[in-house]
Amino acid sequence: MAIEPFVLIVADHGNRIFSVEGPMVNDNPWSKPVVDAKEGGTRDIRCFVPGGPARHDVDIAAREYQREYDYTRVDPGSIVRRTLW
């Protein structure tokens, strides 16, 4: 069964910024960098896949996240960089 592409929101709550990564079919390369940043103890970074139409659309995801949290959107890959295999 094929996986539909989705987007991933990476949020840095300490700095009130977020990026929208993707679309992608595998978020595993983002897991380790996010965990490493959190375990360093200096950054409150989290990631998640949004629901509804935002799940598949970068622009909708960014607009909804910005409207809900009033964070500043930054370029993809600027909060953490994904792990390359």
N, C-alpha and C. Protein backbone atom coordinates (compact mmCIF):
# COMPACT_ATOMS: atom_id res chain seq x y z
N MET A 1 0.83 -1.17 0.00
CA MET A 1 0.00 0.00 0.00
C MET A 1 0.89 1.25 0.00
N ALA A 2 0.65 2.14 -0.92
CA ALA A 2 1.44 3.35 -1.05
C ALA A 2 1.07 4.36 0.03
N ILE A 3 2.07 5.10 0.48
CA ILE A 3 1.85 6.15 1.46
C ILE A 3 1.68 7.48 0.72
N GLU A 4 0.64 8.21 1.07
CA GLU A 4 0.43 9.51 0.46
C GLU A 4 1.40 10.52 1.03
N PRO A 5 1.98 11.38 0.21
CA PRO A 5 2.88 12.41 0.73
C PRO A 5 2.17 13.32 1.74
N PHE A 6 2.93 13.76 2.72
CA PHE A 6 2.41 14.63 3.77
C PHE A 6 3.47 15.68 4.10
N VAL A 7 3.07 16.69 4.86
CA VAL A 7 4.02 17.71 5.31
C VAL A 7 4.25 17.54 6.80
N LEU A 8 5.36 18.08 7.25
CA LEU A 8 5.76 18.01 8.66
C LEU A 8 6.01 19.42 9.15
N ILE A 9 5.41 19.79 10.25
CA ILE A 9 5.69 21.08 10.86
C ILE A 9 6.74 20.87 11.95
N VAL A 10 7.80 21.64 11.88
CA VAL A 10 8.84 21.64 12.91
C VAL A 10 8.76 22.99 13.60
N ALA A 11 8.50 22.99 14.91
CA ALA A 11 8.31 24.22 15.66
C ALA A 11 9.36 24.36 16.75
N ASP A 12 9.94 25.54 16.82
CA ASP A 12 10.87 25.91 17.89
C ASP A 12 10.09 26.85 18.80
N HIS A 13 9.58 26.29 19.90
CA HIS A 13 8.70 27.05 20.78
C HIS A 13 9.43 28.14 21.56
N GLY A 14 10.70 27.95 21.83
CA GLY A 14 11.47 28.96 22.54
C GLY A 14 11.65 30.23 21.73
N ASN A 15 11.81 30.06 20.42
CA ASN A 15 12.02 31.20 19.53
C ASN A 15 10.77 31.61 18.76
N ARG A 16 9.69 30.87 18.96
CA ARG A 16 8.40 31.15 18.31
C ARG A 16 8.53 31.19 16.78
N ILE A 17 9.22 30.17 16.25
CA ILE A 17 9.36 30.02 14.80
C ILE A 17 8.95 28.62 14.40
N PHE A 18 8.62 28.46 13.11
CA PHE A 18 8.28 27.13 12.60
C PHE A 18 8.66 27.04 11.14
N SER A 19 8.83 25.80 10.69
CA SER A 19 9.04 25.55 9.27
C SER A 19 8.10 24.43 8.85
N VAL A 20 7.79 24.40 7.57
CA VAL A 20 6.99 23.31 7.01
C VAL A 20 7.91 22.55 6.08
N GLU A 21 8.09 21.29 6.39
CA GLU A 21 9.00 20.42 5.63
C GLU A 21 8.18 19.49 4.75
N GLY A 22 8.67 19.25 3.57
CA GLY A 22 8.00 18.30 2.70
C GLY A 22 7.41 18.95 1.48
N PRO A 23 6.55 18.23 0.83
CA PRO A 23 5.93 16.95 1.20
C PRO A 23 6.95 15.79 1.19
N MET A 24 6.61 14.77 1.97
CA MET A 24 7.47 13.60 2.13
C MET A 24 6.59 12.37 2.38
N VAL A 25 7.18 11.21 2.30
CA VAL A 25 6.47 9.97 2.62
C VAL A 25 7.08 9.26 3.82
N ASN A 26 8.15 9.85 4.38
CA ASN A 26 8.83 9.24 5.52
C ASN A 26 9.41 10.36 6.39
N ASP A 27 8.95 10.47 7.63
CA ASP A 27 9.47 11.51 8.50
C ASP A 27 10.60 11.02 9.41
N ASN A 28 11.03 9.78 9.24
CA ASN A 28 12.11 9.25 10.08
C ASN A 28 13.39 10.08 10.01
N PRO A 29 13.80 10.61 8.85
CA PRO A 29 15.02 11.41 8.84
C PRO A 29 14.94 12.68 9.69
N TRP A 30 13.75 13.10 10.07
CA TRP A 30 13.59 14.29 10.90
C TRP A 30 13.57 13.94 12.39
N SER A 31 13.28 12.71 12.74
CA SER A 31 13.12 12.33 14.15
C SER A 31 14.38 12.55 14.97
N LYS A 32 15.50 12.03 14.51
CA LYS A 32 16.74 12.14 15.29
C LYS A 32 17.18 13.58 15.48
N PRO A 33 17.20 14.42 14.46
CA PRO A 33 17.60 15.82 14.69
C PRO A 33 16.70 16.55 15.70
N VAL A 34 15.40 16.27 15.67
CA VAL A 34 14.49 16.91 16.62
C VAL A 34 14.77 16.40 18.03
N VAL A 35 14.92 15.10 18.20
CA VAL A 35 15.22 14.52 19.52
C VAL A 35 16.56 15.04 20.02
N ASP A 36 17.58 15.09 19.16
CA ASP A 36 18.89 15.59 19.57
C ASP A 36 18.81 17.04 20.04
N ALA A 37 18.06 17.86 19.34
CA ALA A 37 17.92 19.27 19.72
C ALA A 37 17.23 19.39 21.07
N LYS A 38 16.22 18.57 21.32
CA LYS A 38 15.51 18.61 22.60
C LYS A 38 16.39 18.10 23.73
N GLU A 39 17.15 17.02 23.47
CA GLU A 39 17.98 16.43 24.51
C GLU A 39 19.15 17.32 24.89
N GLY A 40 19.53 18.23 24.00
CA GLY A 40 20.57 19.19 24.34
C GLY A 40 20.15 20.10 25.46
N GLY A 41 18.84 20.16 25.71
CA GLY A 41 18.31 20.91 26.83
C GLY A 41 18.17 22.41 26.60
N THR A 42 18.60 22.89 25.45
CA THR A 42 18.55 24.33 25.24
C THR A 42 17.44 24.75 24.29
N ARG A 43 16.77 23.79 23.66
CA ARG A 43 15.75 24.14 22.68
C ARG A 43 14.49 23.31 22.89
N ASP A 44 13.35 23.96 22.80
CA ASP A 44 12.06 23.28 22.89
C ASP A 44 11.52 23.12 21.48
N ILE A 45 11.95 22.04 20.82
CA ILE A 45 11.58 21.80 19.43
C ILE A 45 10.70 20.56 19.36
N ARG A 46 9.63 20.68 18.58
CA ARG A 46 8.72 19.55 18.38
C ARG A 46 8.32 19.50 16.91
N CYS A 47 7.89 18.33 16.48
CA CYS A 47 7.41 18.21 15.11
C CYS A 47 6.13 17.38 15.11
N PHE A 48 5.31 17.62 14.09
CA PHE A 48 4.07 16.85 13.96
C PHE A 48 3.55 16.98 12.55
N VAL A 49 2.69 16.05 12.20
CA VAL A 49 1.99 16.07 10.91
C VAL A 49 0.61 16.67 11.17
N PRO A 50 0.28 17.77 10.49
CA PRO A 50 -1.04 18.38 10.70
C PRO A 50 -2.15 17.51 10.11
N GLY A 51 -3.36 17.77 10.51
CA GLY A 51 -4.50 17.03 10.00
C GLY A 51 -5.26 17.80 8.94
N GLY A 52 -6.27 17.16 8.41
CA GLY A 52 -7.14 17.78 7.41
C GLY A 52 -6.38 18.14 6.14
N PRO A 53 -6.85 19.16 5.42
CA PRO A 53 -6.21 19.56 4.17
C PRO A 53 -4.75 19.99 4.36
N ALA A 54 -4.40 20.47 5.56
CA ALA A 54 -3.03 20.90 5.84
C ALA A 54 -2.05 19.73 5.79
N ARG A 55 -2.54 18.53 5.95
CA ARG A 55 -1.67 17.34 5.94
C ARG A 55 -0.90 17.20 4.63
N HIS A 56 -1.49 17.68 3.56
CA HIS A 56 -0.90 17.46 2.23
C HIS A 56 -0.47 18.74 1.54
N ASP A 57 -0.66 19.89 2.15
CA ASP A 57 -0.43 21.16 1.45
C ASP A 57 0.43 22.09 2.30
N VAL A 58 1.61 22.42 1.80
CA VAL A 58 2.55 23.27 2.53
C VAL A 58 1.93 24.63 2.86
N ASP A 59 1.30 25.26 1.88
CA ASP A 59 0.75 26.60 2.10
C ASP A 59 -0.38 26.61 3.13
N ILE A 60 -1.26 25.63 3.05
CA ILE A 60 -2.36 25.55 4.02
C ILE A 60 -1.80 25.28 5.41
N ALA A 61 -0.85 24.35 5.51
CA ALA A 61 -0.24 24.03 6.81
C ALA A 61 0.40 25.26 7.43
N ALA A 62 1.15 26.02 6.63
CA ALA A 62 1.82 27.22 7.14
C ALA A 62 0.81 28.26 7.58
N ARG A 63 -0.18 28.50 6.76
CA ARG A 63 -1.18 29.52 7.07
C ARG A 63 -1.94 29.17 8.35
N GLU A 64 -2.35 27.91 8.49
CA GLU A 64 -3.11 27.51 9.68
C GLU A 64 -2.26 27.56 10.95
N TYR A 65 -1.00 27.12 10.86
CA TYR A 65 -0.14 27.13 12.04
C TYR A 65 0.16 28.57 12.46
N GLN A 66 0.46 29.41 11.49
CA GLN A 66 0.75 30.81 11.79
C GLN A 66 -0.47 31.52 12.40
N ARG A 67 -1.63 31.23 11.86
CA ARG A 67 -2.86 31.85 12.38
C ARG A 67 -3.14 31.38 13.82
N GLU A 68 -2.93 30.10 14.07
CA GLU A 68 -3.25 29.56 15.39
C GLU A 68 -2.23 29.96 16.47
N TYR A 69 -0.94 29.97 16.12
CA TYR A 69 0.09 30.20 17.15
C TYR A 69 0.81 31.54 17.03
N ASP A 70 0.65 32.23 15.91
CA ASP A 70 1.31 33.51 15.68
C ASP A 70 2.84 33.40 15.74
N TYR A 71 3.36 32.28 15.26
CA TYR A 71 4.80 32.09 15.15
C TYR A 71 5.25 32.61 13.78
N THR A 72 6.54 32.87 13.65
CA THR A 72 7.12 33.31 12.39
C THR A 72 7.57 32.10 11.59
N ARG A 73 7.20 32.08 10.33
CA ARG A 73 7.62 30.98 9.45
C ARG A 73 9.04 31.24 8.96
N VAL A 74 9.88 30.19 9.00
CA VAL A 74 11.25 30.26 8.50
C VAL A 74 11.43 29.24 7.40
N ASP A 75 12.53 29.32 6.70
CA ASP A 75 12.79 28.41 5.58
C ASP A 75 12.88 26.96 6.02
N PRO A 76 12.46 26.05 5.16
CA PRO A 76 12.60 24.62 5.46
C PRO A 76 14.07 24.29 5.76
N GLY A 77 14.27 23.43 6.74
CA GLY A 77 15.62 23.00 7.10
C GLY A 77 16.39 23.98 7.95
N SER A 78 15.78 25.10 8.34
CA SER A 78 16.54 26.09 9.11
C SER A 78 16.44 25.90 10.62
N ILE A 79 15.49 25.11 11.10
CA ILE A 79 15.38 24.84 12.54
C ILE A 79 16.26 23.65 12.90
N VAL A 80 16.06 22.56 12.20
CA VAL A 80 16.95 21.38 12.28
C VAL A 80 17.10 20.86 10.86
N ARG A 81 18.18 20.17 10.64
CA ARG A 81 18.40 19.55 9.34
C ARG A 81 18.15 18.07 9.44
N ARG A 82 17.48 17.54 8.44
CA ARG A 82 17.14 16.12 8.46
C ARG A 82 18.41 15.27 8.32
N THR A 83 18.33 14.06 8.81
CA THR A 83 19.41 13.11 8.71
C THR A 83 19.43 12.51 7.32
N LEU A 84 20.58 12.51 6.70
CA LEU A 84 20.72 11.87 5.40
C LEU A 84 21.31 10.48 5.62
N TRP A 85 20.74 9.53 4.95
CA TRP A 85 21.21 8.15 5.13
C TRP A 85 22.37 7.87 4.23
